[in-house]
C-alpha atoms as a PDB file:
ATOM      1  CA  MET A   1      77.719  58.360  82.442  1.00  0.00           C
ATOM      2  CA  THR A   2      76.722  55.258  84.406  1.00  0.00           C
ATOM      3  CA  ASP A   3      73.954  52.788  83.572  1.00  0.00           C
ATOM      4  CA  PHE A   4      73.890  50.506  86.617  1.00  0.00           C
ATOM      5  CA  ILE A   5      74.737  52.865  89.480  1.00  0.00           C
ATOM      6  CA  ASP A   6      73.704  56.401  90.399  1.00  0.00           C
ATOM      7  CA  VAL A   7      76.402  58.625  91.886  1.00  0.00           C
ATOM      8  CA  GLN A   8      75.796  61.901  93.695  1.00  0.00           C
ATOM      9  CA  GLU A   9      78.105  64.196  95.631  1.00  0.00           C
ATOM     10  CA  VAL A  10      76.667  65.462  98.909  1.00  0.00           C
ATOM     11  CA  GLY A  11      79.175  67.913 100.347  1.00  0.00           C
ATOM     12  CA  ASN A  12      82.432  66.000 100.417  1.00  0.00           C
ATOM     13  CA  VAL A  13      80.699  62.589 100.483  1.00  0.00           C
ATOM     14  CA  MET A  14      80.222  60.369  97.422  1.00  0.00           C
ATOM     15  CA  VAL A  15      76.833  58.635  97.535  1.00  0.00           C
ATOM     16  CA  MET A  16      76.788  55.561  95.298  1.00  0.00           C
ATOM     17  CA  THR A  17      73.417  53.891  94.699  1.00  0.00           C
ATOM     18  CA  LEU A  18      73.310  50.455  93.080  1.00  0.00           C
ATOM     19  CA  ASP A  19      70.566  51.013  90.539  1.00  0.00           C
ATOM     20  CA  ASP A  20      69.339  48.045  88.509  1.00  0.00           C
ATOM     21  CA  PRO A  21      65.771  47.561  89.801  1.00  0.00           C
ATOM     22  CA  THR A  22      64.867  44.791  87.339  1.00  0.00           C
ATOM     23  CA  THR A  23      67.413  42.490  89.042  1.00  0.00           C
ATOM     24  CA  ARG A  24      67.035  43.949  92.559  1.00  0.00           C
ATOM     25  CA  ASN A  25      70.466  45.538  92.035  1.00  0.00           C
ATOM     26  CA  SER A  26      72.332  42.305  91.333  1.00  0.00           C
ATOM     27  CA  ILE A  27      75.951  42.755  90.318  1.00  0.00           C
ATOM     28  CA  GLY A  28      77.194  41.789  86.898  1.00  0.00           C
ATOM     29  CA  GLU A  29      80.339  42.722  85.035  1.00  0.00           C
ATOM     30  CA  GLU A  30      78.960  46.085  83.893  1.00  0.00           C
ATOM     31  CA  MET A  31      77.949  47.237  87.390  1.00  0.00           C
ATOM     32  CA  ALA A  32      81.250  46.025  88.849  1.00  0.00           C
ATOM     33  CA  THR A  33      83.137  48.040  86.230  1.00  0.00           C
ATOM     34  CA  GLU A  34      81.161  51.190  87.039  1.00  0.00           C
ATOM     35  CA  ILE A  35      81.718  50.714  90.789  1.00  0.00           C
ATOM     36  CA  ASN A  36      85.457  50.346  90.254  1.00  0.00           C
ATOM     37  CA  GLN A  37      85.580  53.424  88.029  1.00  0.00           C
ATOM     38  CA  GLU A  38      83.819  55.555  90.631  1.00  0.00           C
ATOM     39  CA  ILE A  39      86.064  54.249  93.409  1.00  0.00           C
ATOM     40  CA  ASP A  40      89.032  55.249  91.229  1.00  0.00           C
ATOM     41  CA  ARG A  41      87.582  58.755  91.011  1.00  0.00           C
ATOM     42  CA  LEU A  42      86.941  58.873  94.753  1.00  0.00           C
ATOM     43  CA  GLU A  43      90.487  57.791  95.573  1.00  0.00           C
ATOM     44  CA  LYS A  44      92.003  60.457  93.318  1.00  0.00           C
ATOM     45  CA  SER A  45      89.734  63.277  94.498  1.00  0.00           C
ATOM     46  CA  SER A  46      91.059  65.858  96.938  1.00  0.00           C
ATOM     47  CA  THR A  47      87.532  67.018  97.823  1.00  0.00           C
ATOM     48  CA  LEU A  48      85.584  63.751  98.159  1.00  0.00           C
ATOM     49  CA  ARG A  49      86.543  62.277 101.514  1.00  0.00           C
ATOM     50  CA  ALA A  50      84.046  59.486 102.278  1.00  0.00           C
ATOM     51  CA  LEU A  51      81.782  56.965 100.545  1.00  0.00           C
ATOM     52  CA  VAL A  52      78.193  55.957 101.229  1.00  0.00           C
ATOM     53  CA  ILE A  53      76.938  52.964  99.263  1.00  0.00           C
ATOM     54  CA  THR A  54      73.276  51.970  99.153  1.00  0.00           C
ATOM     55  CA  GLY A  55      70.752  50.427  96.769  1.00  0.00           C
ATOM     56  CA  ARG A  56      67.646  51.497  94.915  1.00  0.00           C
ATOM     57  CA  ASP A  57      64.634  50.458  97.013  1.00  0.00           C
ATOM     58  CA  PRO A  58      63.471  47.876  97.853  1.00  0.00           C
ATOM     59  CA  SER A  59      66.840  46.099  97.687  1.00  0.00           C
ATOM     60  CA  PHE A  60      70.412  46.918  98.682  1.00  0.00           C
ATOM     61  CA  CYS A  61      71.927  44.249  96.440  1.00  0.00           C
ATOM     62  CA  SER A  62      70.537  40.819  95.602  1.00  0.00           C
ATOM     63  CA  GLY A  63      74.018  39.406  94.950  1.00  0.00           C
ATOM     64  CA  ALA A  64      75.656  38.188  91.778  1.00  0.00           C
ATOM     65  CA  ASN A  65      73.480  37.840  88.693  1.00  0.00           C
ATOM     66  CA  VAL A  66      72.121  34.257  88.905  1.00  0.00           C
ATOM     67  CA  LYS A  67      70.810  34.198  85.335  1.00  0.00           C
ATOM     68  CA  ARG A  68      74.333  34.835  84.118  1.00  0.00           C
ATOM     69  CA  MET A  69      75.550  32.030  86.382  1.00  0.00           C
ATOM     70  CA  ASN A  70      73.163  29.700  84.550  1.00  0.00           C
ATOM     71  CA  SER A  71      74.582  30.765  81.195  1.00  0.00           C
ATOM     72  CA  ALA A  72      78.094  30.180  82.501  1.00  0.00           C
ATOM     73  CA  ASN A  73      77.098  26.695  83.704  1.00  0.00           C
ATOM     74  CA  GLU A  74      75.771  25.856  80.244  1.00  0.00           C
ATOM     75  CA  ASP A  75      79.107  26.923  78.753  1.00  0.00           C
ATOM     76  CA  ARG A  76      80.862  24.534  81.151  1.00  0.00           C
ATOM     77  CA  ALA A  77      78.616  21.577  80.358  1.00  0.00           C
ATOM     78  CA  ASP A  78      81.516  19.503  78.971  1.00  0.00           C
ATOM     79  CA  GLU A  79      83.742  19.853  82.036  1.00  0.00           C
ATOM     80  CA  PRO A  80      84.948  16.555  83.540  1.00  0.00           C
ATOM     81  CA  ALA A  81      83.189  15.266  86.646  1.00  0.00           C
ATOM     82  CA  LEU A  82      84.629  15.768  90.113  1.00  0.00           C
ATOM     83  CA  PRO A  83      87.141  13.049  91.079  1.00  0.00           C
ATOM     84  CA  ASP A  84      85.628  10.302  93.235  1.00  0.00           C
ATOM     85  CA  ASP A  85      88.982   9.048  94.594  1.00  0.00           C
ATOM     86  CA  ARG A  86      89.629  12.131  96.741  1.00  0.00           C
ATOM     87  CA  SER A  87      87.726  13.869  99.501  1.00  0.00           C
ATOM     88  CA  PRO A  88      86.576  17.486  99.063  1.00  0.00           C
ATOM     89  CA  TRP A  89      89.482  18.709 101.221  1.00  0.00           C
ATOM     90  CA  GLN A  90      92.023  16.622  99.312  1.00  0.00           C
ATOM     91  CA  TYR A  91      90.791  17.891  95.965  1.00  0.00           C
ATOM     92  CA  LEU A  92      90.748  21.488  97.250  1.00  0.00           C
ATOM     93  CA  ASP A  93      94.302  21.146  98.589  1.00  0.00           C
ATOM     94  CA  GLN A  94      95.366  19.912  95.155  1.00  0.00           C
ATOM     95  CA  ARG A  95      93.741  22.866  93.407  1.00  0.00           C
ATOM     96  CA  TRP A  96      95.298  25.294  95.915  1.00  0.00           C
ATOM     97  CA  SER A  97      98.726  23.796  95.263  1.00  0.00           C
ATOM     98  CA  GLU A  98      98.267  24.469  91.542  1.00  0.00           C
ATOM     99  CA  MET A  99      97.437  28.151  92.024  1.00  0.00           C
ATOM    100  CA  PRO A 100      99.892  30.924  91.106  1.00  0.00           C
ATOM    101  CA  ASP A 101     101.504  32.781  94.008  1.00  0.00           C
ATOM    102  CA  GLU A 102      99.134  35.748  93.690  1.00  0.00           C
ATOM    103  CA  THR A 103      95.541  35.614  92.504  1.00  0.00           C
ATOM    104  CA  ARG A 104      93.457  38.664  91.705  1.00  0.00           C
ATOM    105  CA  ALA A 105      90.333  38.972  89.596  1.00  0.00           C
ATOM    106  CA  GLY A 106      90.281  36.200  86.990  1.00  0.00           C
ATOM    107  CA  GLU A 107      88.996  36.033  83.464  1.00  0.00           C
ATOM    108  CA  GLU A 108      85.546  34.718  84.315  1.00  0.00           C
ATOM    109  CA  GLU A 109      82.930  37.375  84.950  1.00  0.00           C
ATOM    110  CA  ILE A 110      81.978  36.003  88.359  1.00  0.00           C
ATOM    111  CA  ASP A 111      85.629  36.162  89.441  1.00  0.00           C
ATOM    112  CA  GLY A 112      85.840  39.823  88.473  1.00  0.00           C
ATOM    113  CA  VAL A 113      82.558  40.612  90.201  1.00  0.00           C
ATOM    114  CA  ARG A 114      83.481  38.895  93.476  1.00  0.00           C
ATOM    115  CA  PHE A 115      86.541  41.107  93.935  1.00  0.00           C
ATOM    116  CA  VAL A 116      84.402  44.229  94.436  1.00  0.00           C
ATOM    117  CA  PRO A 117      84.416  43.675  98.247  1.00  0.00           C
ATOM    118  CA  LEU A 118      88.218  43.638  98.241  1.00  0.00           C
ATOM    119  CA  ARG A 119      88.221  46.990  96.467  1.00  0.00           C
ATOM    120  CA  LEU A 120      86.046  48.433  99.240  1.00  0.00           C
ATOM    121  CA  HIS A 121      88.157  46.746 101.918  1.00  0.00           C
ATOM    122  CA  GLU A 122      91.269  48.425 100.515  1.00  0.00           C
ATOM    123  CA  LEU A 123      89.659  51.862 100.063  1.00  0.00           C
ATOM    124  CA  GLN A 124      91.730  54.396 102.025  1.00  0.00           C
ATOM    125  CA  LYS A 125      88.767  56.685 102.670  1.00  0.00           C
ATOM    126  CA  PRO A 126      85.932  55.955 105.130  1.00  0.00           C
ATOM    127  CA  SER A 127      83.000  53.959 103.792  1.00  0.00           C
ATOM    128  CA  ILE A 128      79.493  53.361 105.120  1.00  0.00           C
ATOM    129  CA  ALA A 129      76.899  50.906 103.789  1.00  0.00           C
ATOM    130  CA  ALA A 130      73.325  52.168 104.103  1.00  0.00           C
ATOM    131  CA  VAL A 131      71.521  48.815 103.972  1.00  0.00           C
ATOM    132  CA  ASN A 132      68.017  49.706 102.848  1.00  0.00           C
ATOM    133  CA  GLY A 133      66.697  46.234 102.044  1.00  0.00           C
ATOM    134  CA  PHE A 134      67.871  42.791 100.973  1.00  0.00           C
ATOM    135  CA  ALA A 135      71.667  42.304 100.984  1.00  0.00           C
ATOM    136  CA  MET A 136      72.062  38.748  99.730  1.00  0.00           C
ATOM    137  CA  GLY A 137      75.252  36.768  99.060  1.00  0.00           C
ATOM    138  CA  LEU A 138      77.704  39.073  97.346  1.00  0.00           C
ATOM    139  CA  GLY A 139      75.451  41.978  98.360  1.00  0.00           C
ATOM    140  CA  MET A 140      76.073  41.104 101.994  1.00  0.00           C
ATOM    141  CA  GLY A 141      79.790  40.846 101.208  1.00  0.00           C
ATOM    142  CA  ILE A 142      79.758  44.377  99.826  1.00  0.00           C
ATOM    143  CA  ALA A 143      78.088  45.678 102.982  1.00  0.00           C
ATOM    144  CA  LEU A 144      80.567  43.778 105.182  1.00  0.00           C
ATOM    145  CA  SER A 145      83.466  45.335 103.278  1.00  0.00           C
ATOM    146  CA  CYS A 146      82.438  48.850 104.238  1.00  0.00           C
ATOM    147  CA  ASP A 147      83.853  50.245 107.474  1.00  0.00           C
ATOM    148  CA  ILE A 148      80.412  50.837 109.029  1.00  0.00           C
ATOM    149  CA  ARG A 149      76.915  49.501 108.313  1.00  0.00           C
ATOM    150  CA  ILE A 150      73.692  51.404 109.062  1.00  0.00           C
ATOM    151  CA  GLY A 151      70.528  49.421 108.414  1.00  0.00           C
ATOM    152  CA  SER A 152      66.925  50.444 107.970  1.00  0.00           C
ATOM    153  CA  GLN A 153      64.237  48.372 109.628  1.00  0.00           C
ATOM    154  CA  ASN A 154      63.743  46.790 106.198  1.00  0.00           C
ATOM    155  CA  ALA A 155      67.307  45.451 106.063  1.00  0.00           C
ATOM    156  CA  ARG A 156      67.653  41.728 105.432  1.00  0.00           C
ATOM    157  CA  MET A 157      70.990  39.911 105.046  1.00  0.00           C
ATOM    158  CA  ALA A 158      71.948  36.351 104.153  1.00  0.00           C
ATOM    159  CA  GLU A 159      74.896  34.235 103.033  1.00  0.00           C
ATOM    160  CA  THR A 160      72.822  32.721 100.226  1.00  0.00           C
ATOM    161  CA  PHE A 161      75.724  31.035  98.382  1.00  0.00           C
ATOM    162  CA  ILE A 162      74.925  27.631  99.897  1.00  0.00           C
ATOM    163  CA  ARG A 163      71.430  27.799  98.378  1.00  0.00           C
ATOM    164  CA  ARG A 164      73.079  27.746  94.949  1.00  0.00           C
ATOM    165  CA  GLY A 165      75.522  24.985  95.922  1.00  0.00           C
ATOM    166  CA  LEU A 166      78.338  27.537  96.154  1.00  0.00           C
ATOM    167  CA  ILE A 167      80.750  28.789  98.798  1.00  0.00           C
ATOM    168  CA  PRO A 168      81.116  32.404  99.998  1.00  0.00           C
ATOM    169  CA  ALA A 169      83.921  33.466  97.659  1.00  0.00           C
ATOM    170  CA  ASP A 170      83.432  37.175  98.294  1.00  0.00           C
ATOM    171  CA  GLY A 171      85.700  37.493 101.329  1.00  0.00           C
ATOM    172  CA  SER A 172      83.069  36.840 104.002  1.00  0.00           C
ATOM    173  CA  CYS A 173      84.921  33.680 105.108  1.00  0.00           C
ATOM    174  CA  TRP A 174      87.599  36.126 106.278  1.00  0.00           C
ATOM    175  CA  GLN A 175      85.284  38.898 107.480  1.00  0.00           C
ATOM    176  CA  LEU A 176      82.560  37.111 109.407  1.00  0.00           C
ATOM    177  CA  PRO A 177      84.640  34.986 111.837  1.00  0.00           C
ATOM    178  CA  ARG A 178      86.429  38.149 112.949  1.00  0.00           C
ATOM    179  CA  MET A 179      83.148  40.004 113.260  1.00  0.00           C
ATOM    180  CA  ILE A 180      80.769  37.456 114.812  1.00  0.00           C
ATOM    181  CA  GLY A 181      82.839  34.372 115.729  1.00  0.00           C
ATOM    182  CA  LEU A 182      83.209  30.912 114.225  1.00  0.00           C
ATOM    183  CA  GLY A 183      79.936  29.338 115.369  1.00  0.00           C
ATOM    184  CA  ASN A 184      77.766  32.178 114.128  1.00  0.00           C
ATOM    185  CA  THR A 185      79.685  32.241 110.835  1.00  0.00           C
ATOM    186  CA  MET A 186      79.219  28.521 110.196  1.00  0.00           C
ATOM    187  CA  MET A 187      75.525  28.766 111.087  1.00  0.00           C
ATOM    188  CA  LEU A 188      74.965  31.543 108.548  1.00  0.00           C
ATOM    189  CA  GLN A 189      77.097  30.003 105.810  1.00  0.00           C
ATOM    190  CA  TYR A 190      75.813  26.434 106.207  1.00  0.00           C
ATOM    191  CA  THR A 191      72.126  27.442 106.183  1.00  0.00           C
ATOM    192  CA  GLY A 192      71.892  30.628 104.101  1.00  0.00           C
ATOM    193  CA  ASP A 193      69.200  31.792 106.516  1.00  0.00           C
ATOM    194  CA  VAL A 194      67.894  35.334 106.055  1.00  0.00           C
ATOM    195  CA  MET A 195      68.437  37.636 109.062  1.00  0.00           C
ATOM    196  CA  ASN A 196      66.271  40.640 109.777  1.00  0.00           C
ATOM    197  CA  ALA A 197      67.689  43.979 110.898  1.00  0.00           C
ATOM    198  CA  GLU A 198      67.358  43.164 114.606  1.00  0.00           C
ATOM    199  CA  GLU A 199      69.275  39.895 114.280  1.00  0.00           C
ATOM    200  CA  CYS A 200      72.003  41.593 112.223  1.00  0.00           C
ATOM    201  CA  HIS A 201      72.298  44.248 114.918  1.00  0.00           C
ATOM    202  CA  ARG A 202      72.397  41.649 117.712  1.00  0.00           C
ATOM    203  CA  LEU A 203      75.278  39.858 116.007  1.00  0.00           C
ATOM    204  CA  GLY A 204      77.141  43.111 115.377  1.00  0.00           C
ATOM    205  CA  ILE A 205      76.885  42.944 111.582  1.00  0.00           C
ATOM    206  CA  ILE A 206      74.834  46.155 111.499  1.00  0.00           C
ATOM    207  CA  ASN A 207      76.050  48.971 113.748  1.00  0.00           C
ATOM    208  CA  LYS A 208      72.764  50.852 114.007  1.00  0.00           C
ATOM    209  CA  ILE A 209      69.113  50.467 112.924  1.00  0.00           C
ATOM    210  CA  THR A 210      66.952  53.388 111.793  1.00  0.00           C
ATOM    211  CA  PRO A 211      63.380  53.777 110.526  1.00  0.00           C
ATOM    212  CA  HIS A 212      63.447  53.187 106.785  1.00  0.00           C
ATOM    213  CA  ASP A 213      62.583  56.778 105.868  1.00  0.00           C
ATOM    214  CA  GLU A 214      65.404  58.082 108.091  1.00  0.00           C
ATOM    215  CA  LEU A 215      68.138  55.789 106.776  1.00  0.00           C
ATOM    216  CA  MET A 216      69.843  58.139 104.340  1.00  0.00           C
ATOM    217  CA  GLU A 217      69.574  61.189 106.588  1.00  0.00           C
ATOM    218  CA  THR A 218      71.130  59.275 109.481  1.00  0.00           C
ATOM    219  CA  THR A 219      73.828  57.766 107.273  1.00  0.00           C
ATOM    220  CA  LEU A 220      74.724  61.045 105.586  1.00  0.00           C
ATOM    221  CA  ASP A 221      74.916  62.847 108.935  1.00  0.00           C
ATOM    222  CA  LEU A 222      77.455  60.266 110.110  1.00  0.00           C
ATOM    223  CA  ALA A 223      79.304  60.230 106.774  1.00  0.00           C
ATOM    224  CA  GLN A 224      79.636  64.012 106.773  1.00  0.00           C
ATOM    225  CA  ARG A 225      80.841  64.021 110.370  1.00  0.00           C
ATOM    226  CA  ILE A 226      83.515  61.446 109.489  1.00  0.00           C
ATOM    227  CA  ALA A 227      84.426  63.184 106.209  1.00  0.00           C
ATOM    228  CA  ASP A 228      84.953  66.450 108.102  1.00  0.00           C
ATOM    229  CA  GLY A 229      87.487  64.691 110.315  1.00  0.00           C
ATOM    230  CA  PRO A 230      91.211  64.041 109.807  1.00  0.00           C
ATOM    231  CA  THR A 231      90.747  61.501 107.026  1.00  0.00           C
ATOM    232  CA  TYR A 232      94.489  60.916 106.522  1.00  0.00           C
ATOM    233  CA  SER A 233      94.683  59.668 110.099  1.00  0.00           C
ATOM    234  CA  GLN A 234      91.500  57.656 109.554  1.00  0.00           C
ATOM    235  CA  ALA A 235      93.252  55.850 106.696  1.00  0.00           C
ATOM    236  CA  LEU A 236      96.131  55.029 109.037  1.00  0.00           C
ATOM    237  CA  ILE A 237      93.658  53.738 111.637  1.00  0.00           C
ATOM    238  CA  LYS A 238      91.975  51.464 109.087  1.00  0.00           C
ATOM    239  CA  ARG A 239      95.301  49.986 107.990  1.00  0.00           C
ATOM    240  CA  LEU A 240      96.493  49.430 111.563  1.00  0.00           C
ATOM    241  CA  VAL A 241      93.204  47.792 112.585  1.00  0.00           C
ATOM    242  CA  GLN A 242      93.320  45.452 109.579  1.00  0.00           C
ATOM    243  CA  ARG A 243      96.925  44.447 110.320  1.00  0.00           C
ATOM    244  CA  SER A 244      96.145  43.994 114.008  1.00  0.00           C
ATOM    245  CA  LEU A 245      93.562  41.289 113.248  1.00  0.00           C
ATOM    246  CA  ASN A 246      96.362  38.837 112.491  1.00  0.00           C
ATOM    247  CA  ILE A 247      99.075  39.766 115.016  1.00  0.00           C
ATOM    248  CA  ASP A 248      99.493  39.853 118.784  1.00  0.00           C
ATOM    249  CA  PHE A 249      99.078  42.880 121.061  1.00  0.00           C
ATOM    250  CA  ALA A 250     102.792  43.636 121.310  1.00  0.00           C
ATOM    251  CA  GLU A 251     103.223  43.618 117.528  1.00  0.00           C
ATOM    252  CA  SER A 252     100.195  45.883 117.106  1.00  0.00           C
ATOM    253  CA  LEU A 253     101.766  48.376 119.522  1.00  0.00           C
ATOM    254  CA  ARG A 254     105.032  48.157 117.596  1.00  0.00           C
ATOM    255  CA  LEU A 255     103.305  48.892 114.278  1.00  0.00           C
ATOM    256  CA  ALA A 256     101.385  51.776 115.870  1.00  0.00           C
ATOM    257  CA  GLY A 257     104.656  53.665 116.381  1.00  0.00           C
ATOM    258  CA  PRO A 258     105.366  54.515 112.719  1.00  0.00           C
ATOM    259  CA  ALA A 259     101.651  55.169 112.150  1.00  0.00           C
ATOM    260  CA  GLN A 260     101.610  57.703 114.978  1.00  0.00           C
ATOM    261  CA  THR A 261     104.802  59.320 113.678  1.00  0.00           C
ATOM    262  CA  ILE A 262     103.105  59.818 110.311  1.00  0.00           C
ATOM    263  CA  ALA A 263      99.957  61.157 111.989  1.00  0.00           C
ATOM    264  CA  ARG A 264     102.029  63.704 113.925  1.00  0.00           C
ATOM    265  CA  SER A 265     103.364  64.995 110.601  1.00  0.00           C
ATOM    266  CA  THR A 266      99.920  65.814 109.199  1.00  0.00           C
ATOM    267  CA  ASP A 267      98.507  69.323 108.968  1.00  0.00           C
ATOM    268  CA  ASP A 268      95.379  67.987 110.664  1.00  0.00           C
ATOM    269  CA  HIS A 269      97.325  67.014 113.792  1.00  0.00           C
ATOM    270  CA  LYS A 270      98.742  70.510 114.043  1.00  0.00           C
ATOM    271  CA  GLU A 271      95.291  71.994 113.466  1.00  0.00           C
ATOM    272  CA  GLY A 272      93.772  69.723 116.096  1.00  0.00           C
ATOM    273  CA  VAL A 273      96.288  70.870 118.688  1.00  0.00           C
ATOM    274  CA  ARG A 274      95.854  74.546 117.765  1.00  0.00           C
ATOM    275  CA  ALA A 275      92.075  74.231 117.961  1.00  0.00           C
ATOM    276  CA  PHE A 276      92.312  72.671 121.428  1.00  0.00           C
ATOM    277  CA  VAL A 277      94.581  75.444 122.693  1.00  0.00           C
ATOM    278  CA  GLU A 278      92.372  78.129 121.124  1.00  0.00           C
ATOM    279  CA  LYS A 279      89.180  76.489 122.479  1.00  0.00           C
ATOM    280  CA  ARG A 280      87.479  76.133 119.074  1.00  0.00           C
ATOM    281  CA  GLN A 281      86.376  73.366 116.730  1.00  0.00           C
ATOM    282  CA  PRO A 282      89.164  72.137 114.393  1.00  0.00           C
ATOM    283  CA  ALA A 283      88.903  72.605 110.643  1.00  0.00           C
ATOM    284  CA  PHE A 284      90.463  69.443 109.281  1.00  0.00           C
ATOM    285  CA  LYS A 285      91.536  69.179 105.627  1.00  0.00           C
ATOM    286  CA  GLY A 286      92.335  65.502 105.319  1.00  0.00           C
ATOM    287  CA  ARG A 287      96.076  65.945 104.938  1.00  0.00           C
END
């Protein structure tokens, strides 16, 4: 039973709809918990082989719950002021030096919520964001963390953190420079400007635009096509691509060797070869 998301199974695809219309599908602790629980179920399932995530119209996700941010600020009213004897970079370097070696979701609600994109980034099954409307702040981060983004003509995206005096702490400082370059990233994150579907597509943030009433049909057709493929090998591809972002060409080729050895050991590889020889379509099982 979920209260803040709606989950359906369409063939071997999990369709997760963020469903809190009163907040335009903003993410709080409860929704984040439900998302994580369903991703757990997806990862353990032998039949569900891909994820589509979307939002209840007219919004994809309006970001983190701002009203709860205000409550959190009131609880921190007695915090000491920022030091005036250090620059922002100096103070940040100090705070970084005081961090533990590994940081995951913290105790504060907003820290737990902002790690949802990492969960999607690490998902070992294909994921597609069907961006049906506004994807603001953390909502944009969730869409960016999916492998593919299909947008309706109503899609709107923005790095709205700066409008609240915040920084993009949802992973988009890592994602966007790799996706659209440094200049475009700084423009979006310094201004918080809202981009329409065409601008998102021009920058490469959205892979494809559809009429609004065709969004889910188009997305599910693609999701089913991917889910019917050799999803074990797709997981290897995702891992190799992610590692290759931070290494040179020669090292990427070196790491591809063990990945290909594993792929050759899968039943799907053997099926793919048999199907080619027998001049038929392969029937992949994802193993």
